[in-house]
Every structure is written in structure tokens, then in C-alpha cells.
Amino acid sequence: MDSRDQRPRDVAHRLSERSRQQTRARAQEASAWRRETFRLPRLEARAKAREWFERFPKAAYMTEIEFWQELPGDEIEFTIRRLPTAD
């Protein structure tokens, strides 16, 4: 390491960058939710939601419909979120 890497400005920059990287890593860990968005005809949307709740039970994965809306043509757009693993 040469003497230029030891200047206070350089040390401060390295520490700041390390702090930013740690903050990003913590944010990713905190947002451990898995999300998937679907846009399906109404009956298929019901079947898909039912499939998710059977595969990833709410009690274990905290599965829920996070957002949904009705679209023209009797389609439903919805986002399901769940935890990636059960304890």
C-alpha cells in the first residue's frame, strides 16, 4: 500500500463505501420476501392463488396477496408474497 492510500480523504472514502455496502446487504436481508406477479383470467387467477396457498401455507410462509386489481376483459392482476423458507 503506498502512502497515497493512507491519506485521511482516502481512508474516509473506503470507510464510507464499506458502510454503504453493509447497509445494502442489511436491506436485502430485511426484504426477504419472494414476490411474483400474475395477470390471468379471473378463474385461472383464483386457481393460481389457491395453488400458492396450498404449496406455501400462510402459517409457515406468511403467504399473502399483497396487491390485486381487476382489469378489462375479466382479468385479474395480483402479486403474491411469501417468505422463502419455513422455520
PDB file of N, CA and C in Angstrom:
ATOM      1  N   MET A   1       0.854  -1.165   0.000  1.00  0.00           N
ATOM      2  CA  MET A   1       0.000   0.000   0.000  1.00  0.00           C
ATOM      3  C   MET A   1       0.902   1.231   0.000  1.00  0.00           C
ATOM      4  N   ASP A   2       0.697   2.123  -0.970  1.00  0.00           N
ATOM      5  CA  ASP A   2       1.565   3.295  -0.951  1.00  0.00           C
ATOM      6  C   ASP A   2       0.952   4.408  -0.098  1.00  0.00           C
ATOM      7  N   SER A   3       1.712   5.440   0.102  1.00  0.00           N
ATOM      8  CA  SER A   3       1.318   6.497   1.045  1.00  0.00           C
ATOM      9  C   SER A   3       0.063   7.237   0.611  1.00  0.00           C
ATOM     10  N   ARG A   4      -0.257   7.227  -0.694  1.00  0.00           N
ATOM     11  CA  ARG A   4      -1.479   7.914  -1.152  1.00  0.00           C
ATOM     12  C   ARG A   4      -2.728   7.236  -0.611  1.00  0.00           C
ATOM     13  N   ASP A   5      -2.695   5.921  -0.361  1.00  0.00           N
ATOM     14  CA  ASP A   5      -3.850   5.198   0.156  1.00  0.00           C
ATOM     15  C   ASP A   5      -4.085   5.477   1.633  1.00  0.00           C
ATOM     16  N   GLN A   6      -3.149   6.156   2.270  1.00  0.00           N
ATOM     17  CA  GLN A   6      -3.265   6.420   3.704  1.00  0.00           C
ATOM     18  C   GLN A   6      -3.741   7.844   4.003  1.00  0.00           C
ATOM     19  N   ARG A   7      -4.003   8.625   2.978  1.00  0.00           N
ATOM     20  CA  ARG A   7      -4.467   9.989   3.225  1.00  0.00           C
ATOM     21  C   ARG A   7      -5.827   9.930   3.910  1.00  0.00           C
ATOM     22  N   PRO A   8      -6.103  10.854   4.807  1.00  0.00           N
ATOM     23  CA  PRO A   8      -7.396  10.857   5.510  1.00  0.00           C
ATOM     24  C   PRO A   8      -8.592  10.812   4.561  1.00  0.00           C
ATOM     25  N   ARG A   9      -8.487  11.525   3.449  1.00  0.00           N
ATOM     26  CA  ARG A   9      -9.579  11.531   2.475  1.00  0.00           C
ATOM     27  C   ARG A   9      -9.827  10.124   1.929  1.00  0.00           C
ATOM     28  N   ASP A  10      -8.767   9.388   1.633  1.00  0.00           N
ATOM     29  CA  ASP A  10      -8.895   8.039   1.088  1.00  0.00           C
ATOM     30  C   ASP A  10      -9.433   7.055   2.121  1.00  0.00           C
ATOM     31  N   VAL A  11      -8.963   7.195   3.350  1.00  0.00           N
ATOM     32  CA  VAL A  11      -9.454   6.337   4.428  1.00  0.00           C
ATOM     33  C   VAL A  11     -10.945   6.581   4.633  1.00  0.00           C
ATOM     34  N   ALA A  12     -11.346   7.845   4.647  1.00  0.00           N
ATOM     35  CA  ALA A  12     -12.759   8.190   4.827  1.00  0.00           C
ATOM     36  C   ALA A  12     -13.605   7.627   3.686  1.00  0.00           C
ATOM     37  N   HIS A  13     -13.090   7.701   2.478  1.00  0.00           N
ATOM     38  CA  HIS A  13     -13.816   7.164   1.322  1.00  0.00           C
ATOM     39  C   HIS A  13     -14.008   5.652   1.437  1.00  0.00           C
ATOM     40  N   ARG A  14     -12.945   4.940   1.808  1.00  0.00           N
ATOM     41  CA  ARG A  14     -13.055   3.479   1.964  1.00  0.00           C
ATOM     42  C   ARG A  14     -14.046   3.101   3.052  1.00  0.00           C
ATOM     43  N   LEU A  15     -14.000   3.816   4.176  1.00  0.00           N
ATOM     44  CA  LEU A  15     -14.929   3.520   5.271  1.00  0.00           C
ATOM     45  C   LEU A  15     -16.365   3.822   4.864  1.00  0.00           C
ATOM     46  N   SER A  16     -16.548   4.904   4.142  1.00  0.00           N
ATOM     47  CA  SER A  16     -17.887   5.263   3.676  1.00  0.00           C
ATOM     48  C   SER A  16     -18.433   4.211   2.718  1.00  0.00           C
ATOM     49  N   GLU A  17     -17.601   3.767   1.798  1.00  0.00           N
ATOM     50  CA  GLU A  17     -18.025   2.739   0.835  1.00  0.00           C
ATOM     51  C   GLU A  17     -18.347   1.431   1.544  1.00  0.00           C
ATOM     52  N   ARG A  18     -17.549   1.050   2.514  1.00  0.00           N
ATOM     53  CA  ARG A  18     -17.809  -0.171   3.274  1.00  0.00           C
ATOM     54  C   ARG A  18     -19.148  -0.064   4.008  1.00  0.00           C
ATOM     55  N   SER A  19     -19.421   1.094   4.582  1.00  0.00           N
ATOM     56  CA  SER A  19     -20.683   1.310   5.288  1.00  0.00           C
ATOM     57  C   SER A  19     -21.871   1.193   4.339  1.00  0.00           C
ATOM     58  N   ARG A  20     -21.737   1.768   3.129  1.00  0.00           N
ATOM     59  CA  ARG A  20     -22.816   1.675   2.132  1.00  0.00           C
ATOM     60  C   ARG A  20     -23.074   0.222   1.741  1.00  0.00           C
ATOM     61  N   GLN A  21     -22.020  -0.544   1.557  1.00  0.00           N
ATOM     62  CA  GLN A  21     -22.172  -1.953   1.186  1.00  0.00           C
ATOM     63  C   GLN A  21     -22.859  -2.742   2.296  1.00  0.00           C
ATOM     64  N   GLN A  22     -22.511  -2.475   3.530  1.00  0.00           N
ATOM     65  CA  GLN A  22     -23.146  -3.158   4.658  1.00  0.00           C
ATOM     66  C   GLN A  22     -24.623  -2.775   4.759  1.00  0.00           C
ATOM     67  N   THR A  23     -24.941  -1.517   4.516  1.00  0.00           N
ATOM     68  CA  THR A  23     -26.338  -1.072   4.552  1.00  0.00           C
ATOM     69  C   THR A  23     -27.143  -1.768   3.468  1.00  0.00           C
ATOM     70  N   ARG A  24     -26.573  -1.878   2.260  1.00  0.00           N
ATOM     71  CA  ARG A  24     -27.265  -2.590   1.175  1.00  0.00           C
ATOM     72  C   ARG A  24     -27.499  -4.051   1.528  1.00  0.00           C
ATOM     73  N   ALA A  25     -26.508  -4.691   2.109  1.00  0.00           N
ATOM     74  CA  ALA A  25     -26.634  -6.103   2.488  1.00  0.00           C
ATOM     75  C   ALA A  25     -27.723  -6.283   3.540  1.00  0.00           C
ATOM     76  N   ARG A  26     -27.777  -5.391   4.524  1.00  0.00           N
ATOM     77  CA  ARG A  26     -28.825  -5.480   5.555  1.00  0.00           C
ATOM     78  C   ARG A  26     -30.206  -5.259   4.949  1.00  0.00           C
ATOM     79  N   ALA A  27     -30.316  -4.357   3.997  1.00  0.00           N
ATOM     80  CA  ALA A  27     -31.609  -4.097   3.359  1.00  0.00           C
ATOM     81  C   ALA A  27     -32.083  -5.323   2.596  1.00  0.00           C
ATOM     82  N   GLN A  28     -31.174  -6.008   1.925  1.00  0.00           N
ATOM     83  CA  GLN A  28     -31.559  -7.222   1.202  1.00  0.00           C
ATOM     84  C   GLN A  28     -32.002  -8.310   2.161  1.00  0.00           C
ATOM     85  N   GLU A  29     -31.332  -8.446   3.288  1.00  0.00           N
ATOM     86  CA  GLU A  29     -31.727  -9.446   4.277  1.00  0.00           C
ATOM     87  C   GLU A  29     -33.087  -9.106   4.868  1.00  0.00           C
ATOM     88  N   ALA A  30     -33.336  -7.830   5.112  1.00  0.00           N
ATOM     89  CA  ALA A  30     -34.597  -7.400   5.714  1.00  0.00           C
ATOM     90  C   ALA A  30     -35.760  -7.623   4.753  1.00  0.00           C
ATOM     91  N   SER A  31     -35.515  -7.516   3.473  1.00  0.00           N
ATOM     92  CA  SER A  31     -36.564  -7.718   2.483  1.00  0.00           C
ATOM     93  C   SER A  31     -36.448  -9.129   1.922  1.00  0.00           C
ATOM     94  N   ALA A  32     -36.674 -10.092   2.765  1.00  0.00           N
ATOM     95  CA  ALA A  32     -36.521 -11.484   2.374  1.00  0.00           C
ATOM     96  C   ALA A  32     -37.750 -12.023   1.636  1.00  0.00           C
ATOM     97  N   TRP A  33     -38.739 -11.194   1.412  1.00  0.00           N
ATOM     98  CA  TRP A  33     -39.952 -11.642   0.745  1.00  0.00           C
ATOM     99  C   TRP A  33     -39.680 -12.046  -0.689  1.00  0.00           C
ATOM    100  N   ARG A  34     -40.332 -13.123  -1.099  1.00  0.00           N
ATOM    101  CA  ARG A  34     -40.342 -13.534  -2.501  1.00  0.00           C
ATOM    102  C   ARG A  34     -41.678 -13.080  -3.071  1.00  0.00           C
ATOM    103  N   ARG A  35     -41.639 -12.380  -4.176  1.00  0.00           N
ATOM    104  CA  ARG A  35     -42.863 -11.869  -4.792  1.00  0.00           C
ATOM    105  C   ARG A  35     -42.969 -12.368  -6.227  1.00  0.00           C
ATOM    106  N   GLU A  36     -44.208 -12.601  -6.635  1.00  0.00           N
ATOM    107  CA  GLU A  36     -44.464 -12.945  -8.023  1.00  0.00           C
ATOM    108  C   GLU A  36     -45.777 -12.311  -8.429  1.00  0.00           C
ATOM    109  N   THR A  37     -45.793 -11.725  -9.613  1.00  0.00           N
ATOM    110  CA  THR A  37     -46.985 -11.050 -10.114  1.00  0.00           C
ATOM    111  C   THR A  37     -47.561 -11.849 -11.267  1.00  0.00           C
ATOM    112  N   PHE A  38     -48.884 -11.987 -11.265  1.00  0.00           N
ATOM    113  CA  PHE A  38     -49.600 -12.726 -12.304  1.00  0.00           C
ATOM    114  C   PHE A  38     -50.677 -11.836 -12.906  1.00  0.00           C
ATOM    115  N   ARG A  39     -50.998 -12.074 -14.152  1.00  0.00           N
ATOM    116  CA  ARG A  39     -52.116 -11.416 -14.834  1.00  0.00           C
ATOM    117  C   ARG A  39     -52.854 -12.518 -15.581  1.00  0.00           C
ATOM    118  N   LEU A  40     -54.012 -12.905 -15.021  1.00  0.00           N
ATOM    119  CA  LEU A  40     -54.733 -14.072 -15.533  1.00  0.00           C
ATOM    120  C   LEU A  40     -56.230 -13.799 -15.587  1.00  0.00           C
ATOM    121  N   PRO A  41     -56.950 -14.572 -16.404  1.00  0.00           N
ATOM    122  CA  PRO A  41     -58.411 -14.509 -16.337  1.00  0.00           C
ATOM    123  C   PRO A  41     -58.867 -14.882 -14.919  1.00  0.00           C
ATOM    124  N   ARG A  42     -60.024 -14.366 -14.511  1.00  0.00           N
ATOM    125  CA  ARG A  42     -60.493 -14.495 -13.129  1.00  0.00           C
ATOM    126  C   ARG A  42     -60.420 -15.915 -12.572  1.00  0.00           C
ATOM    127  N   LEU A  43     -60.953 -16.905 -13.284  1.00  0.00           N
ATOM    128  CA  LEU A  43     -60.959 -18.276 -12.756  1.00  0.00           C
ATOM    129  C   LEU A  43     -59.544 -18.850 -12.636  1.00  0.00           C
ATOM    130  N   GLU A  44     -58.687 -18.539 -13.602  1.00  0.00           N
ATOM    131  CA  GLU A  44     -57.302 -19.006 -13.524  1.00  0.00           C
ATOM    132  C   GLU A  44     -56.554 -18.302 -12.391  1.00  0.00           C
ATOM    133  N   ALA A  45     -56.874 -17.043 -12.155  1.00  0.00           N
ATOM    134  CA  ALA A  45     -56.244 -16.298 -11.054  1.00  0.00           C
ATOM    135  C   ALA A  45     -56.616 -16.925  -9.717  1.00  0.00           C
ATOM    136  N   ARG A  46     -57.882 -17.296  -9.551  1.00  0.00           N
ATOM    137  CA  ARG A  46     -58.299 -17.972  -8.314  1.00  0.00           C
ATOM    138  C   ARG A  46     -57.555 -19.291  -8.134  1.00  0.00           C
ATOM    139  N   ALA A  47     -57.453 -20.043  -9.223  1.00  0.00           N
ATOM    140  CA  ALA A  47     -56.767 -21.338  -9.150  1.00  0.00           C
ATOM    141  C   ALA A  47     -55.289 -21.150  -8.814  1.00  0.00           C
ATOM    142  N   LYS A  48     -54.643 -20.145  -9.398  1.00  0.00           N
ATOM    143  CA  LYS A  48     -53.227 -19.886  -9.136  1.00  0.00           C
ATOM    144  C   LYS A  48     -53.018 -19.470  -7.680  1.00  0.00           C
ATOM    145  N   ALA A  49     -53.875 -18.611  -7.163  1.00  0.00           N
ATOM    146  CA  ALA A  49     -53.755 -18.191  -5.762  1.00  0.00           C
ATOM    147  C   ALA A  49     -53.956 -19.381  -4.836  1.00  0.00           C
ATOM    148  N   ARG A  50     -54.958 -20.203  -5.129  1.00  0.00           N
ATOM    149  CA  ARG A  50     -55.213 -21.402  -4.318  1.00  0.00           C
ATOM    150  C   ARG A  50     -53.989 -22.335  -4.341  1.00  0.00           C
ATOM    151  N   GLU A  51     -53.390 -22.502  -5.514  1.00  0.00           N
ATOM    152  CA  GLU A  51     -52.200 -23.341  -5.660  1.00  0.00           C
ATOM    153  C   GLU A  51     -51.059 -22.828  -4.773  1.00  0.00           C
ATOM    154  N   TRP A  52     -50.845 -21.527  -4.769  1.00  0.00           N
ATOM    155  CA  TRP A  52     -49.776 -20.944  -3.940  1.00  0.00           C
ATOM    156  C   TRP A  52     -50.040 -21.152  -2.462  1.00  0.00           C
ATOM    157  N   PHE A  53     -51.287 -20.947  -2.044  1.00  0.00           N
ATOM    158  CA  PHE A  53     -51.608 -21.109  -0.622  1.00  0.00           C
ATOM    159  C   PHE A  53     -51.504 -22.568  -0.187  1.00  0.00           C
ATOM    160  N   GLU A  54     -51.755 -23.507  -1.106  1.00  0.00           N
ATOM    161  CA  GLU A  54     -51.576 -24.922  -0.774  1.00  0.00           C
ATOM    162  C   GLU A  54     -50.089 -25.283  -0.734  1.00  0.00           C
ATOM    163  N   ARG A  55     -49.336 -24.754  -1.665  1.00  0.00           N
ATOM    164  CA  ARG A  55     -47.907 -25.072  -1.743  1.00  0.00           C
ATOM    165  C   ARG A  55     -47.102 -24.365  -0.656  1.00  0.00           C
ATOM    166  N   PHE A  56     -47.482 -23.126  -0.352  1.00  0.00           N
ATOM    167  CA  PHE A  56     -46.785 -22.319   0.662  1.00  0.00           C
ATOM    168  C   PHE A  56     -47.807 -21.851   1.695  1.00  0.00           C
ATOM    169  N   PRO A  57     -48.167 -22.696   2.659  1.00  0.00           N
ATOM    170  CA  PRO A  57     -49.217 -22.357   3.629  1.00  0.00           C
ATOM    171  C   PRO A  57     -48.924 -21.048   4.358  1.00  0.00           C
ATOM    172  N   LYS A  58     -49.979 -20.288   4.574  1.00  0.00           N
ATOM    173  CA  LYS A  58     -49.847 -18.980   5.218  1.00  0.00           C
ATOM    174  C   LYS A  58     -49.172 -19.079   6.585  1.00  0.00           C
ATOM    175  N   ALA A  59     -49.513 -20.103   7.355  1.00  0.00           N
ATOM    176  CA  ALA A  59     -48.951 -20.247   8.703  1.00  0.00           C
ATOM    177  C   ALA A  59     -47.435 -20.435   8.687  1.00  0.00           C
ATOM    178  N   ALA A  60     -46.914 -21.085   7.665  1.00  0.00           N
ATOM    179  CA  ALA A  60     -45.479 -21.364   7.615  1.00  0.00           C
ATOM    180  C   ALA A  60     -44.700 -20.314   6.823  1.00  0.00           C
ATOM    181  N   TYR A  61     -45.267 -19.834   5.723  1.00  0.00           N
ATOM    182  CA  TYR A  61     -44.549 -18.942   4.816  1.00  0.00           C
ATOM    183  C   TYR A  61     -45.069 -17.501   4.847  1.00  0.00           C
ATOM    184  N   MET A  62     -46.087 -17.244   5.645  1.00  0.00           N
ATOM    185  CA  MET A  62     -46.715 -15.926   5.716  1.00  0.00           C
ATOM    186  C   MET A  62     -47.175 -15.456   4.329  1.00  0.00           C
ATOM    187  N   THR A  63     -47.649 -16.386   3.528  1.00  0.00           N
ATOM    188  CA  THR A  63     -48.104 -16.099   2.173  1.00  0.00           C
ATOM    189  C   THR A  63     -49.317 -15.178   2.216  1.00  0.00           C
ATOM    190  N   GLU A  64     -49.323 -14.190   1.325  1.00  0.00           N
ATOM    191  CA  GLU A  64     -50.494 -13.319   1.224  1.00  0.00           C
ATOM    192  C   GLU A  64     -50.548 -12.661  -0.145  1.00  0.00           C
ATOM    193  N   ILE A  65     -51.766 -12.272  -0.514  1.00  0.00           N
ATOM    194  CA  ILE A  65     -51.956 -11.477  -1.717  1.00  0.00           C
ATOM    195  C   ILE A  65     -51.601 -10.047  -1.320  1.00  0.00           C
ATOM    196  N   GLU A  66     -50.536  -9.536  -1.872  1.00  0.00           N
ATOM    197  CA  GLU A  66     -50.050  -8.215  -1.490  1.00  0.00           C
ATOM    198  C   GLU A  66     -50.800  -7.103  -2.227  1.00  0.00           C
ATOM    199  N   PHE A  67     -51.199  -7.379  -3.460  1.00  0.00           N
ATOM    200  CA  PHE A  67     -51.853  -6.381  -4.289  1.00  0.00           C
ATOM    201  C   PHE A  67     -52.693  -7.108  -5.325  1.00  0.00           C
ATOM    202  N   TRP A  68     -53.854  -6.540  -5.641  1.00  0.00           N
ATOM    203  CA  TRP A  68     -54.623  -7.086  -6.747  1.00  0.00           C
ATOM    204  C   TRP A  68     -55.482  -5.992  -7.349  1.00  0.00           C
ATOM    205  N   GLN A  69     -55.821  -6.180  -8.628  1.00  0.00           N
ATOM    206  CA  GLN A  69     -56.716  -5.243  -9.301  1.00  0.00           C
ATOM    207  C   GLN A  69     -57.447  -5.958 -10.429  1.00  0.00           C
ATOM    208  N   GLU A  70     -58.657  -5.492 -10.693  1.00  0.00           N
ATOM    209  CA  GLU A  70     -59.436  -6.011 -11.812  1.00  0.00           C
ATOM    210  C   GLU A  70     -59.056  -5.231 -13.055  1.00  0.00           C
ATOM    211  N   LEU A  71     -58.889  -5.941 -14.147  1.00  0.00           N
ATOM    212  CA  LEU A  71     -58.541  -5.325 -15.422  1.00  0.00           C
ATOM    213  C   LEU A  71     -59.648  -5.577 -16.427  1.00  0.00           C
ATOM    214  N   PRO A  72     -59.693  -4.818 -17.504  1.00  0.00           N
ATOM    215  CA  PRO A  72     -60.700  -5.073 -18.535  1.00  0.00           C
ATOM    216  C   PRO A  72     -60.583  -6.502 -19.061  1.00  0.00           C
ATOM    217  N   GLY A  73     -61.687  -7.050 -19.500  1.00  0.00           N
ATOM    218  CA  GLY A  73     -61.681  -8.400 -20.053  1.00  0.00           C
ATOM    219  C   GLY A  73     -61.724  -9.470 -18.975  1.00  0.00           C
ATOM    220  N   ASP A  74     -62.200  -9.101 -17.783  1.00  0.00           N
ATOM    221  CA  ASP A  74     -62.341 -10.034 -16.661  1.00  0.00           C
ATOM    222  C   ASP A  74     -61.005 -10.683 -16.282  1.00  0.00           C
ATOM    223  N   GLU A  75     -59.937  -9.891 -16.386  1.00  0.00           N
ATOM    224  CA  GLU A  75     -58.622 -10.361 -15.942  1.00  0.00           C
ATOM    225  C   GLU A  75     -58.310  -9.767 -14.575  1.00  0.00           C
ATOM    226  N   ILE A  76     -57.501 -10.499 -13.832  1.00  0.00           N
ATOM    227  CA  ILE A  76     -57.052 -10.053 -12.508  1.00  0.00           C
ATOM    228  C   ILE A  76     -55.535 -10.017 -12.533  1.00  0.00           C
ATOM    229  N   GLU A  77     -54.985  -8.914 -12.067  1.00  0.00           N
ATOM    230  CA  GLU A  77     -53.538  -8.826 -11.872  1.00  0.00           C
ATOM    231  C   GLU A  77     -53.306  -8.823 -10.370  1.00  0.00           C
ATOM    232  N   PHE A  78     -52.405  -9.692  -9.906  1.00  0.00           N
ATOM    233  CA  PHE A  78     -52.161  -9.761  -8.475  1.00  0.00           C
ATOM    234  C   PHE A  78     -50.726 -10.145  -8.188  1.00  0.00           C
ATOM    235  N   THR A  79     -50.263  -9.701  -7.024  1.00  0.00           N
ATOM    236  CA  THR A  79     -48.918 -10.027  -6.555  1.00  0.00           C
ATOM    237  C   THR A  79     -49.039 -10.814  -5.279  1.00  0.00           C
ATOM    238  N   ILE A  80     -48.382 -11.971  -5.241  1.00  0.00           N
ATOM    239  CA  ILE A  80     -48.344 -12.809  -4.045  1.00  0.00           C
ATOM    240  C   ILE A  80     -46.950 -12.694  -3.455  1.00  0.00           C
ATOM    241  N   ARG A  81     -46.900 -12.582  -2.137  1.00  0.00           N
ATOM    242  CA  ARG A  81     -45.600 -12.575  -1.474  1.00  0.00           C
ATOM    243  C   ARG A  81     -45.562 -13.684  -0.427  1.00  0.00           C
ATOM    244  N   ARG A  82     -44.346 -14.180  -0.197  1.00  0.00           N
ATOM    245  CA  ARG A  82     -44.144 -15.223   0.799  1.00  0.00           C
ATOM    246  C   ARG A  82     -42.697 -15.165   1.271  1.00  0.00           C
ATOM    247  N   LEU A  83     -42.459 -15.799   2.405  1.00  0.00           N
ATOM    248  CA  LEU A  83     -41.083 -15.960   2.859  1.00  0.00           C
ATOM    249  C   LEU A  83     -40.444 -17.088   2.075  1.00  0.00           C
ATOM    250  N   PRO A  84     -39.142 -17.067   1.880  1.00  0.00           N
ATOM    251  CA  PRO A  84     -38.520 -18.095   1.050  1.00  0.00           C
ATOM    252  C   PRO A  84     -38.495 -19.484   1.692  1.00  0.00           C
ATOM    253  N   THR A  85     -38.475 -19.553   3.030  1.00  0.00           N
ATOM    254  CA  THR A  85     -38.446 -20.858   3.706  1.00  0.00           C
ATOM    255  C   THR A  85     -39.299 -20.812   4.941  1.00  0.00           C
ATOM    256  N   ALA A  86     -39.721 -21.960   5.359  1.00  0.00           N
ATOM    257  CA  ALA A  86     -40.457 -22.065   6.624  1.00  0.00           C
ATOM    258  C   ALA A  86     -39.490 -22.503   7.724  1.00  0.00           C
ATOM    259  N   ASP A  87     -39.733 -22.051   8.924  1.00  0.00           N
ATOM    260  CA  ASP A  87     -38.851 -22.429  10.049  1.00  0.00           C
ATOM    261  C   ASP A  87     -39.115 -23.842  10.495  1.00  0.00           C
TER     262      ASP A  87
END
